[in-house]
């Protein structure tokens, strides 16, 4: 099942206090970027983030979910109503995210 544009818009609104959040549509789902690095995505109307140490510490009971067949597990963000939490989550995860590879 593809994610809805309405759910994407809701998540982006919740992230509006966090600077430099962008997204890219990919095969009916949405990849979320923070300061140019992939931080997570929206898959089947679920907001998932990469399982970094910081994310696991901030969400100790988070459910590990598979975004799509063949993918690595990601952490389900359930506290999407708390904008301050989302901003803190993104800021703490940033340094643990891989730097994007340069395209030729």
PDB file of N, CA and C in Angstrom:
ATOM      1  N   UNK A   1       0.840  -1.177   0.000  1.00  0.00           N
ATOM      2  CA  UNK A   1       0.000   0.000   0.000  1.00  0.00           C
ATOM      3  C   UNK A   1       0.889   1.246   0.000  1.00  0.00           C
ATOM      4  N   UNK A   2       0.626   2.153  -0.864  1.00  0.00           N
ATOM      5  CA  UNK A   2       1.396   3.398  -0.937  1.00  0.00           C
ATOM      6  C   UNK A   2       0.941   4.360   0.166  1.00  0.00           C
ATOM      7  N   UNK A   3       1.831   5.241   0.556  1.00  0.00           N
ATOM      8  CA  UNK A   3       1.494   6.259   1.554  1.00  0.00           C
ATOM      9  C   UNK A   3       0.722   7.389   0.903  1.00  0.00           C
ATOM     10  N   UNK A   4      -0.137   8.018   1.686  1.00  0.00           N
ATOM     11  CA  UNK A   4      -0.953   9.107   1.157  1.00  0.00           C
ATOM     12  C   UNK A   4      -0.209  10.445   1.240  1.00  0.00           C
ATOM     13  N   UNK A   5      -0.512  11.316   0.323  1.00  0.00           N
ATOM     14  CA  UNK A   5       0.052  12.670   0.326  1.00  0.00           C
ATOM     15  C   UNK A   5      -0.415  13.410   1.579  1.00  0.00           C
ATOM     16  N   UNK A   6      -1.625  13.110   2.043  1.00  0.00           N
ATOM     17  CA  UNK A   6      -2.161  13.750   3.253  1.00  0.00           C
ATOM     18  C   UNK A   6      -1.311  13.396   4.478  1.00  0.00           C
ATOM     19  N   UNK A   7      -0.892  12.134   4.580  1.00  0.00           N
ATOM     20  CA  UNK A   7      -0.053  11.727   5.712  1.00  0.00           C
ATOM     21  C   UNK A   7       1.307  12.412   5.626  1.00  0.00           C
ATOM     22  N   UNK A   8       1.873  12.466   4.433  1.00  0.00           N
ATOM     23  CA  UNK A   8       3.134  13.193   4.239  1.00  0.00           C
ATOM     24  C   UNK A   8       2.979  14.640   4.684  1.00  0.00           C
ATOM     25  N   UNK A   9       1.923  15.297   4.235  1.00  0.00           N
ATOM     26  CA  UNK A   9       1.699  16.696   4.602  1.00  0.00           C
ATOM     27  C   UNK A   9       1.581  16.861   6.112  1.00  0.00           C
ATOM     28  N   UNK A  10       0.911  15.915   6.772  1.00  0.00           N
ATOM     29  CA  UNK A  10       0.769  15.969   8.230  1.00  0.00           C
ATOM     30  C   UNK A  10       2.136  15.863   8.906  1.00  0.00           C
ATOM     31  N   UNK A  11       2.943  14.904   8.476  1.00  0.00           N
ATOM     32  CA  UNK A  11       4.276  14.735   9.069  1.00  0.00           C
ATOM     33  C   UNK A  11       5.131  15.978   8.817  1.00  0.00           C
ATOM     34  N   UNK A  12       5.090  16.517   7.606  1.00  0.00           N
ATOM     35  CA  UNK A  12       5.868  17.732   7.311  1.00  0.00           C
ATOM     36  C   UNK A  12       5.404  18.899   8.165  1.00  0.00           C
ATOM     37  N   UNK A  13       4.125  18.998   8.433  1.00  0.00           N
ATOM     38  CA  UNK A  13       3.606  20.055   9.317  1.00  0.00           C
ATOM     39  C   UNK A  13       4.157  19.860  10.729  1.00  0.00           C
ATOM     40  N   UNK A  14       4.180  18.623  11.195  1.00  0.00           N
ATOM     41  CA  UNK A  14       4.717  18.340  12.528  1.00  0.00           C
ATOM     42  C   UNK A  14       6.214  18.648  12.600  1.00  0.00           C
ATOM     43  N   UNK A  15       6.898  18.575  11.473  1.00  0.00           N
ATOM     44  CA  UNK A  15       8.335  18.859  11.412  1.00  0.00           C
ATOM     45  C   UNK A  15       8.630  20.316  11.053  1.00  0.00           C
ATOM     46  N   UNK A  16       7.616  21.148  10.979  1.00  0.00           N
ATOM     47  CA  UNK A  16       7.808  22.525  10.516  1.00  0.00           C
ATOM     48  C   UNK A  16       8.684  23.367  11.448  1.00  0.00           C
ATOM     49  N   UNK A  17       8.851  22.954  12.704  1.00  0.00           N
ATOM     50  CA  UNK A  17       9.750  23.667  13.617  1.00  0.00           C
ATOM     51  C   UNK A  17      11.204  23.251  13.429  1.00  0.00           C
ATOM     52  N   UNK A  18      11.432  22.250  12.621  1.00  0.00           N
ATOM     53  CA  UNK A  18      12.774  21.717  12.359  1.00  0.00           C
ATOM     54  C   UNK A  18      13.239  22.225  10.996  1.00  0.00           C
ATOM     55  N   UNK A  19      14.369  22.939  10.989  1.00  0.00           N
ATOM     56  CA  UNK A  19      14.880  23.516   9.748  1.00  0.00           C
ATOM     57  C   UNK A  19      15.454  22.456   8.817  1.00  0.00           C
ATOM     58  N   UNK A  20      15.393  22.743   7.518  1.00  0.00           N
ATOM     59  CA  UNK A  20      16.054  21.966   6.477  1.00  0.00           C
ATOM     60  C   UNK A  20      15.588  20.513   6.385  1.00  0.00           C
ATOM     61  N   UNK A  21      14.267  20.314   6.467  1.00  0.00           N
ATOM     62  CA  UNK A  21      13.669  19.004   6.241  1.00  0.00           C
ATOM     63  C   UNK A  21      13.098  19.005   4.829  1.00  0.00           C
ATOM     64  N   UNK A  22      13.488  18.020   4.037  1.00  0.00           N
ATOM     65  CA  UNK A  22      12.979  17.890   2.673  1.00  0.00           C
ATOM     66  C   UNK A  22      12.542  16.445   2.472  1.00  0.00           C
ATOM     67  N   UNK A  23      11.925  16.196   1.328  1.00  0.00           N
ATOM     68  CA  UNK A  23      11.492  14.841   1.028  1.00  0.00           C
ATOM     69  C   UNK A  23      11.591  14.591  -0.465  1.00  0.00           C
ATOM     70  N   UNK A  24      11.540  13.306  -0.804  1.00  0.00           N
ATOM     71  CA  UNK A  24      11.510  12.904  -2.201  1.00  0.00           C
ATOM     72  C   UNK A  24      10.571  11.714  -2.326  1.00  0.00           C
ATOM     73  N   UNK A  25       9.679  11.791  -3.293  1.00  0.00           N
ATOM     74  CA  UNK A  25       8.770  10.673  -3.551  1.00  0.00           C
ATOM     75  C   UNK A  25       9.541   9.557  -4.234  1.00  0.00           C
ATOM     76  N   UNK A  26       9.268   8.310  -3.795  1.00  0.00           N
ATOM     77  CA  UNK A  26       9.937   7.167  -4.402  1.00  0.00           C
ATOM     78  C   UNK A  26       8.999   5.961  -4.342  1.00  0.00           C
ATOM     79  N   UNK A  27       8.526   5.552  -5.507  1.00  0.00           N
ATOM     80  CA  UNK A  27       7.682   4.366  -5.657  1.00  0.00           C
ATOM     81  C   UNK A  27       6.489   4.348  -4.687  1.00  0.00           C
ATOM     82  N   UNK A  28       5.790   5.451  -4.592  1.00  0.00           N
ATOM     83  CA  UNK A  28       4.599   5.526  -3.759  1.00  0.00           C
ATOM     84  C   UNK A  28       4.870   5.804  -2.299  1.00  0.00           C
ATOM     85  N   UNK A  29       6.124   5.938  -1.940  1.00  0.00           N
ATOM     86  CA  UNK A  29       6.501   6.242  -0.565  1.00  0.00           C
ATOM     87  C   UNK A  29       7.318   7.536  -0.573  1.00  0.00           C
ATOM     88  N   UNK A  30       7.782   7.974   0.596  1.00  0.00           N
ATOM     89  CA  UNK A  30       8.496   9.245   0.698  1.00  0.00           C
ATOM     90  C   UNK A  30       9.740   9.089   1.562  1.00  0.00           C
ATOM     91  N   UNK A  31      10.879   9.500   1.013  1.00  0.00           N
ATOM     92  CA  UNK A  31      12.141   9.515   1.755  1.00  0.00           C
ATOM     93  C   UNK A  31      12.257  10.895   2.409  1.00  0.00           C
ATOM     94  N   UNK A  32      12.580  10.923   3.697  1.00  0.00           N
ATOM     95  CA  UNK A  32      12.715  12.177   4.438  1.00  0.00           C
ATOM     96  C   UNK A  32      14.197  12.466   4.648  1.00  0.00           C
ATOM     97  N   UNK A  33      14.583  13.694   4.349  1.00  0.00           N
ATOM     98  CA  UNK A  33      15.967  14.147   4.497  1.00  0.00           C
ATOM     99  C   UNK A  33      16.032  15.236   5.560  1.00  0.00           C
ATOM    100  N   UNK A  34      17.122  15.238   6.310  1.00  0.00           N
ATOM    101  CA  UNK A  34      17.396  16.298   7.263  1.00  0.00           C
ATOM    102  C   UNK A  34      18.792  16.813   6.968  1.00  0.00           C
ATOM    103  N   UNK A  35      18.879  18.080   6.609  1.00  0.00           N
ATOM    104  CA  UNK A  35      20.147  18.716   6.230  1.00  0.00           C
ATOM    105  C   UNK A  35      20.865  17.894   5.159  1.00  0.00           C
ATOM    106  N   UNK A  36      20.101  17.355   4.221  1.00  0.00           N
ATOM    107  CA  UNK A  36      20.661  16.640   3.091  1.00  0.00           C
ATOM    108  C   UNK A  36      20.975  15.172   3.325  1.00  0.00           C
ATOM    109  N   UNK A  37      20.735  14.678   4.529  1.00  0.00           N
ATOM    110  CA  UNK A  37      21.013  13.267   4.835  1.00  0.00           C
ATOM    111  C   UNK A  37      19.690  12.522   5.027  1.00  0.00           C
ATOM    112  N   UNK A  38      19.653  11.279   4.574  1.00  0.00           N
ATOM    113  CA  UNK A  38      18.450  10.463   4.748  1.00  0.00           C
ATOM    114  C   UNK A  38      18.306  10.127   6.229  1.00  0.00           C
ATOM    115  N   UNK A  39      17.166  10.524   6.797  1.00  0.00           N
ATOM    116  CA  UNK A  39      16.914  10.254   8.213  1.00  0.00           C
ATOM    117  C   UNK A  39      15.857   9.184   8.388  1.00  0.00           C
ATOM    118  N   UNK A  40      15.018   9.022   7.369  1.00  0.00           N
ATOM    119  CA  UNK A  40      13.953   8.028   7.452  1.00  0.00           C
ATOM    120  C   UNK A  40      13.009   8.172   6.282  1.00  0.00           C
ATOM    121  N   UNK A  41      11.765   7.827   6.530  1.00  0.00           N
ATOM    122  CA  UNK A  41      10.788   7.924   5.464  1.00  0.00           C
ATOM    123  C   UNK A  41       9.393   7.587   5.932  1.00  0.00           C
ATOM    124  N   UNK A  42       8.483   7.717   5.003  1.00  0.00           N
ATOM    125  CA  UNK A  42       7.086   7.365   5.244  1.00  0.00           C
ATOM    126  C   UNK A  42       6.787   6.160   4.358  1.00  0.00           C
ATOM    127  N   UNK A  43       6.417   5.076   5.006  1.00  0.00           N
ATOM    128  CA  UNK A  43       6.152   3.810   4.327  1.00  0.00           C
ATOM    129  C   UNK A  43       4.819   3.266   4.831  1.00  0.00           C
ATOM    130  N   UNK A  44       3.889   3.045   3.936  1.00  0.00           N
ATOM    131  CA  UNK A  44       2.557   2.544   4.310  1.00  0.00           C
ATOM    132  C   UNK A  44       1.940   3.392   5.427  1.00  0.00           C
ATOM    133  N   UNK A  45       2.062   4.716   5.280  1.00  0.00           N
ATOM    134  CA  UNK A  45       1.554   5.669   6.261  1.00  0.00           C
ATOM    135  C   UNK A  45       2.106   5.422   7.666  1.00  0.00           C
ATOM    136  N   UNK A  46       3.374   5.052   7.724  1.00  0.00           N
ATOM    137  CA  UNK A  46       4.118   4.932   8.983  1.00  0.00           C
ATOM    138  C   UNK A  46       5.359   5.795   8.858  1.00  0.00           C
ATOM    139  N   UNK A  47       5.663   6.567   9.895  1.00  0.00           N
ATOM    140  CA  UNK A  47       6.865   7.398   9.912  1.00  0.00           C
ATOM    141  C   UNK A  47       7.972   6.582  10.577  1.00  0.00           C
ATOM    142  N   UNK A  48       8.972   6.200   9.786  1.00  0.00           N
ATOM    143  CA  UNK A  48      10.077   5.375  10.262  1.00  0.00           C
ATOM    144  C   UNK A  48      11.388   6.138  10.135  1.00  0.00           C
ATOM    145  N   UNK A  49      12.279   5.932  11.102  1.00  0.00           N
ATOM    146  CA  UNK A  49      13.608   6.552  11.050  1.00  0.00           C
ATOM    147  C   UNK A  49      14.676   5.474  11.149  1.00  0.00           C
ATOM    148  N   UNK A  50      15.884   5.836  10.724  1.00  0.00           N
ATOM    149  CA  UNK A  50      17.013   4.908  10.784  1.00  0.00           C
ATOM    150  C   UNK A  50      17.285   4.553  12.251  1.00  0.00           C
ATOM    151  N   UNK A  51      17.694   3.327  12.495  1.00  0.00           N
ATOM    152  CA  UNK A  51      17.905   2.876  13.877  1.00  0.00           C
ATOM    153  C   UNK A  51      19.268   3.287  14.437  1.00  0.00           C
ATOM    154  N   UNK A  52      19.460   4.581  14.598  1.00  0.00           N
ATOM    155  CA  UNK A  52      20.718   5.072  15.164  1.00  0.00           C
ATOM    156  C   UNK A  52      20.709   4.899  16.683  1.00  0.00           C
ATOM    157  N   UNK A  53      21.873   5.024  17.279  1.00  0.00           N
ATOM    158  CA  UNK A  53      21.982   4.939  18.743  1.00  0.00           C
ATOM    159  C   UNK A  53      21.098   5.989  19.408  1.00  0.00           C
ATOM    160  N   UNK A  54      21.153   7.220  18.897  1.00  0.00           N
ATOM    161  CA  UNK A  54      20.362   8.309  19.482  1.00  0.00           C
ATOM    162  C   UNK A  54      18.862   8.050  19.379  1.00  0.00           C
ATOM    163  N   UNK A  55      18.426   7.545  18.237  1.00  0.00           N
ATOM    164  CA  UNK A  55      17.000   7.250  18.061  1.00  0.00           C
ATOM    165  C   UNK A  55      16.554   6.176  19.043  1.00  0.00           C
ATOM    166  N   UNK A  56      17.377   5.147  19.204  1.00  0.00           N
ATOM    167  CA  UNK A  56      17.041   4.069  20.149  1.00  0.00           C
ATOM    168  C   UNK A  56      16.997   4.582  21.581  1.00  0.00           C
ATOM    169  N   UNK A  57      17.899   5.505  21.936  1.00  0.00           N
ATOM    170  CA  UNK A  57      17.904   6.072  23.288  1.00  0.00           C
ATOM    171  C   UNK A  57      16.679   6.950  23.529  1.00  0.00           C
ATOM    172  N   UNK A  58      16.279   7.735  22.526  1.00  0.00           N
ATOM    173  CA  UNK A  58      15.126   8.626  22.677  1.00  0.00           C
ATOM    174  C   UNK A  58      13.794   7.889  22.589  1.00  0.00           C
ATOM    175  N   UNK A  59      13.792   6.726  21.951  1.00  0.00           N
ATOM    176  CA  UNK A  59      12.563   5.935  21.796  1.00  0.00           C
ATOM    177  C   UNK A  59      12.853   4.498  22.242  1.00  0.00           C
ATOM    178  N   UNK A  60      13.093   4.285  23.547  1.00  0.00           N
ATOM    179  CA  UNK A  60      13.530   2.966  24.008  1.00  0.00           C
ATOM    180  C   UNK A  60      12.555   1.822  23.706  1.00  0.00           C
ATOM    181  N   UNK A  61      11.296   2.090  23.622  1.00  0.00           N
ATOM    182  CA  UNK A  61      10.329   1.028  23.346  1.00  0.00           C
ATOM    183  C   UNK A  61       9.868   0.993  21.904  1.00  0.00           C
ATOM    184  N   UNK A  62      10.589   1.677  21.023  1.00  0.00           N
ATOM    185  CA  UNK A  62      10.148   1.785  19.627  1.00  0.00           C
ATOM    186  C   UNK A  62      10.129   0.426  18.947  1.00  0.00           C
ATOM    187  N   UNK A  63       9.123   0.246  18.146  1.00  0.00           N
ATOM    188  CA  UNK A  63       8.968  -0.980  17.380  1.00  0.00           C
ATOM    189  C   UNK A  63       9.884  -0.950  16.160  1.00  0.00           C
ATOM    190  N   UNK A  64      10.607  -2.049  15.942  1.00  0.00           N
ATOM    191  CA  UNK A  64      11.441  -2.175  14.740  1.00  0.00           C
ATOM    192  C   UNK A  64      10.542  -2.678  13.616  1.00  0.00           C
ATOM    193  N   UNK A  65      10.492  -1.946  12.515  1.00  0.00           N
ATOM    194  CA  UNK A  65       9.601  -2.259  11.406  1.00  0.00           C
ATOM    195  C   UNK A  65      10.400  -2.391  10.114  1.00  0.00           C
ATOM    196  N   UNK A  66       9.904  -3.212   9.221  1.00  0.00           N
ATOM    197  CA  UNK A  66      10.481  -3.348   7.884  1.00  0.00           C
ATOM    198  C   UNK A  66       9.688  -2.415   6.961  1.00  0.00           C
ATOM    199  N   UNK A  67      10.340  -1.420   6.353  1.00  0.00           N
ATOM    200  CA  UNK A  67       9.594  -0.481   5.510  1.00  0.00           C
ATOM    201  C   UNK A  67       9.020  -1.113   4.242  1.00  0.00           C
ATOM    202  N   UNK A  68       9.760  -2.057   3.663  1.00  0.00           N
ATOM    203  CA  UNK A  68       9.319  -2.760   2.454  1.00  0.00           C
ATOM    204  C   UNK A  68      10.138  -4.046   2.363  1.00  0.00           C
ATOM    205  N   UNK A  69       9.671  -4.982   1.577  1.00  0.00           N
ATOM    206  CA  UNK A  69      10.354  -6.278   1.445  1.00  0.00           C
ATOM    207  C   UNK A  69      11.813  -6.092   1.057  1.00  0.00           C
ATOM    208  N   UNK A  70      12.691  -6.747   1.797  1.00  0.00           N
ATOM    209  CA  UNK A  70      14.110  -6.705   1.499  1.00  0.00           C
ATOM    210  C   UNK A  70      14.871  -5.566   2.160  1.00  0.00           C
ATOM    211  N   UNK A  71      14.171  -4.685   2.861  1.00  0.00           N
ATOM    212  CA  UNK A  71      14.821  -3.528   3.495  1.00  0.00           C
ATOM    213  C   UNK A  71      15.282  -3.869   4.907  1.00  0.00           C
ATOM    214  N   UNK A  72      16.194  -3.066   5.416  1.00  0.00           N
ATOM    215  CA  UNK A  72      16.645  -3.194   6.798  1.00  0.00           C
ATOM    216  C   UNK A  72      15.581  -2.605   7.720  1.00  0.00           C
ATOM    217  N   UNK A  73      15.571  -3.067   8.960  1.00  0.00           N
ATOM    218  CA  UNK A  73      14.611  -2.563   9.939  1.00  0.00           C
ATOM    219  C   UNK A  73      14.856  -1.090  10.235  1.00  0.00           C
ATOM    220  N   UNK A  74      13.760  -0.404  10.503  1.00  0.00           N
ATOM    221  CA  UNK A  74      13.798   0.994  10.918  1.00  0.00           C
ATOM    222  C   UNK A  74      12.940   1.113  12.167  1.00  0.00           C
ATOM    223  N   UNK A  75      13.027   2.239  12.852  1.00  0.00           N
ATOM    224  CA  UNK A  75      12.263   2.445  14.075  1.00  0.00           C
ATOM    225  C   UNK A  75      10.991   3.246  13.792  1.00  0.00           C
ATOM    226  N   UNK A  76       9.881   2.769  14.319  1.00  0.00           N
ATOM    227  CA  UNK A  76       8.600   3.450  14.162  1.00  0.00           C
ATOM    228  C   UNK A  76       8.526   4.628  15.131  1.00  0.00           C
ATOM    229  N   UNK A  77       8.244   5.814  14.608  1.00  0.00           N
ATOM    230  CA  UNK A  77       8.071   7.005  15.438  1.00  0.00           C
ATOM    231  C   UNK A  77       6.585   7.108  15.760  1.00  0.00           C
ATOM    232  N   UNK A  78       6.249   6.903  17.014  1.00  0.00           N
ATOM    233  CA  UNK A  78       4.852   6.966  17.425  1.00  0.00           C
ATOM    234  C   UNK A  78       4.480   8.326  17.996  1.00  0.00           C
ATOM    235  N   UNK A  79       5.447   9.044  18.525  1.00  0.00           N
ATOM    236  CA  UNK A  79       5.196  10.330  19.180  1.00  0.00           C
ATOM    237  C   UNK A  79       5.229  11.477  18.159  1.00  0.00           C
ATOM    238  N   UNK A  80       4.412  11.364  17.113  1.00  0.00           N
ATOM    239  CA  UNK A  80       4.474  12.354  16.038  1.00  0.00           C
ATOM    240  C   UNK A  80       3.734  13.650  16.358  1.00  0.00           C
ATOM    241  N   UNK A  81       2.987  13.674  17.457  1.00  0.00           N
ATOM    242  CA  UNK A  81       2.279  14.906  17.826  1.00  0.00           C
ATOM    243  C   UNK A  81       3.181  15.906  18.545  1.00  0.00           C
ATOM    244  N   UNK A  82       4.315  15.453  19.057  1.00  0.00           N
ATOM    245  CA  UNK A  82       5.217  16.284  19.856  1.00  0.00           C
ATOM    246  C   UNK A  82       6.314  16.875  18.968  1.00  0.00           C
ATOM    247  N   UNK A  83       6.107  18.106  18.520  1.00  0.00           N
ATOM    248  CA  UNK A  83       7.053  18.759  17.609  1.00  0.00           C
ATOM    249  C   UNK A  83       8.431  18.948  18.228  1.00  0.00           C
ATOM    250  N   UNK A  84       8.479  19.280  19.521  1.00  0.00           N
ATOM    251  CA  UNK A  84       9.770  19.470  20.189  1.00  0.00           C
ATOM    252  C   UNK A  84      10.542  18.153  20.224  1.00  0.00           C
ATOM    253  N   UNK A  85       9.842  17.051  20.472  1.00  0.00           N
ATOM    254  CA  UNK A  85      10.484  15.739  20.460  1.00  0.00           C
ATOM    255  C   UNK A  85      11.043  15.427  19.079  1.00  0.00           C
ATOM    256  N   UNK A  86      10.260  15.675  18.025  1.00  0.00           N
ATOM    257  CA  UNK A  86      10.718  15.391  16.664  1.00  0.00           C
ATOM    258  C   UNK A  86      11.964  16.196  16.316  1.00  0.00           C
ATOM    259  N   UNK A  87      11.971  17.462  16.722  1.00  0.00           N
ATOM    260  CA  UNK A  87      13.138  18.308  16.461  1.00  0.00           C
ATOM    261  C   UNK A  87      14.365  17.769  17.193  1.00  0.00           C
ATOM    262  N   UNK A  88      14.199  17.397  18.449  1.00  0.00           N
ATOM    263  CA  UNK A  88      15.305  16.829  19.224  1.00  0.00           C
ATOM    264  C   UNK A  88      15.780  15.519  18.604  1.00  0.00           C
ATOM    265  N   UNK A  89      14.853  14.681  18.192  1.00  0.00           N
ATOM    266  CA  UNK A  89      15.191  13.413  17.554  1.00  0.00           C
ATOM    267  C   UNK A  89      16.058  13.641  16.325  1.00  0.00           C
ATOM    268  N   UNK A  90      15.632  14.533  15.441  1.00  0.00           N
ATOM    269  CA  UNK A  90      16.385  14.802  14.214  1.00  0.00           C
ATOM    270  C   UNK A  90      17.763  15.373  14.529  1.00  0.00           C
ATOM    271  N   UNK A  91      17.824  16.332  15.461  1.00  0.00           N
ATOM    272  CA  UNK A  91      19.105  16.961  15.789  1.00  0.00           C
ATOM    273  C   UNK A  91      20.093  15.964  16.388  1.00  0.00           C
ATOM    274  N   UNK A  92      19.616  15.084  17.250  1.00  0.00           N
ATOM    275  CA  UNK A  92      20.518  14.108  17.882  1.00  0.00           C
ATOM    276  C   UNK A  92      20.939  13.017  16.908  1.00  0.00           C
ATOM    277  N   UNK A  93      20.083  12.656  15.963  1.00  0.00           N
ATOM    278  CA  UNK A  93      20.411  11.617  14.989  1.00  0.00           C
ATOM    279  C   UNK A  93      21.384  12.099  13.919  1.00  0.00           C
ATOM    280  N   UNK A  94      21.395  13.387  13.633  1.00  0.00           N
ATOM    281  CA  UNK A  94      22.111  13.929  12.473  1.00  0.00           C
ATOM    282  C   UNK A  94      23.553  13.449  12.350  1.00  0.00           C
ATOM    283  N   UNK A  95      24.343  13.565  13.395  1.00  0.00           N
ATOM    284  CA  UNK A  95      25.768  13.213  13.309  1.00  0.00           C
ATOM    285  C   UNK A  95      25.992  11.724  13.085  1.00  0.00           C
ATOM    286  N   UNK A  96      24.986  10.898  13.359  1.00  0.00           N
ATOM    287  CA  UNK A  96      25.119   9.446  13.166  1.00  0.00           C
ATOM    288  C   UNK A  96      24.674   9.006  11.768  1.00  0.00           C
ATOM    289  N   UNK A  97      24.130   9.913  10.997  1.00  0.00           N
ATOM    290  CA  UNK A  97      23.643   9.564   9.659  1.00  0.00           C
ATOM    291  C   UNK A  97      24.778   9.605   8.653  1.00  0.00           C
ATOM    292  N   UNK A  98      24.779   8.681   7.703  1.00  0.00           N
ATOM    293  CA  UNK A  98      25.847   8.686   6.696  1.00  0.00           C
ATOM    294  C   UNK A  98      25.777   9.918   5.799  1.00  0.00           C
ATOM    295  N   UNK A  99      26.930  10.401   5.418  1.00  0.00           N
ATOM    296  CA  UNK A  99      27.025  11.521   4.490  1.00  0.00           C
ATOM    297  C   UNK A  99      26.678  10.985   3.105  1.00  0.00           C
ATOM    298  N   UNK A 100      25.822  11.690   2.357  1.00  0.00           N
ATOM    299  CA  UNK A 100      25.467  11.198   1.029  1.00  0.00           C
ATOM    300  C   UNK A 100      26.684  11.103   0.112  1.00  0.00           C
ATOM    301  N   UNK A 101      26.675  10.087  -0.719  1.00  0.00           N
ATOM    302  CA  UNK A 101      27.755   9.910  -1.693  1.00  0.00           C
ATOM    303  C   UNK A 101      27.565  10.897  -2.837  1.00  0.00           C
ATOM    304  N   UNK A 102      28.688  11.393  -3.329  1.00  0.00           N
ATOM    305  CA  UNK A 102      28.659  12.333  -4.474  1.00  0.00           C
ATOM    306  C   UNK A 102      28.297  11.582  -5.746  1.00  0.00           C
ATOM    307  N   UNK A 103      27.394  12.153  -6.516  1.00  0.00           N
ATOM    308  CA  UNK A 103      27.049  11.564  -7.812  1.00  0.00           C
ATOM    309  C   UNK A 103      27.974  12.112  -8.878  1.00  0.00           C
ATOM    310  N   UNK A 104      28.319  11.276  -9.823  1.00  0.00           N
ATOM    311  CA  UNK A 104      29.184  11.723 -10.928  1.00  0.00           C
ATOM    312  C   UNK A 104      28.384  12.365 -12.025  1.00  0.00           C
TER     313      UNK A 104
END
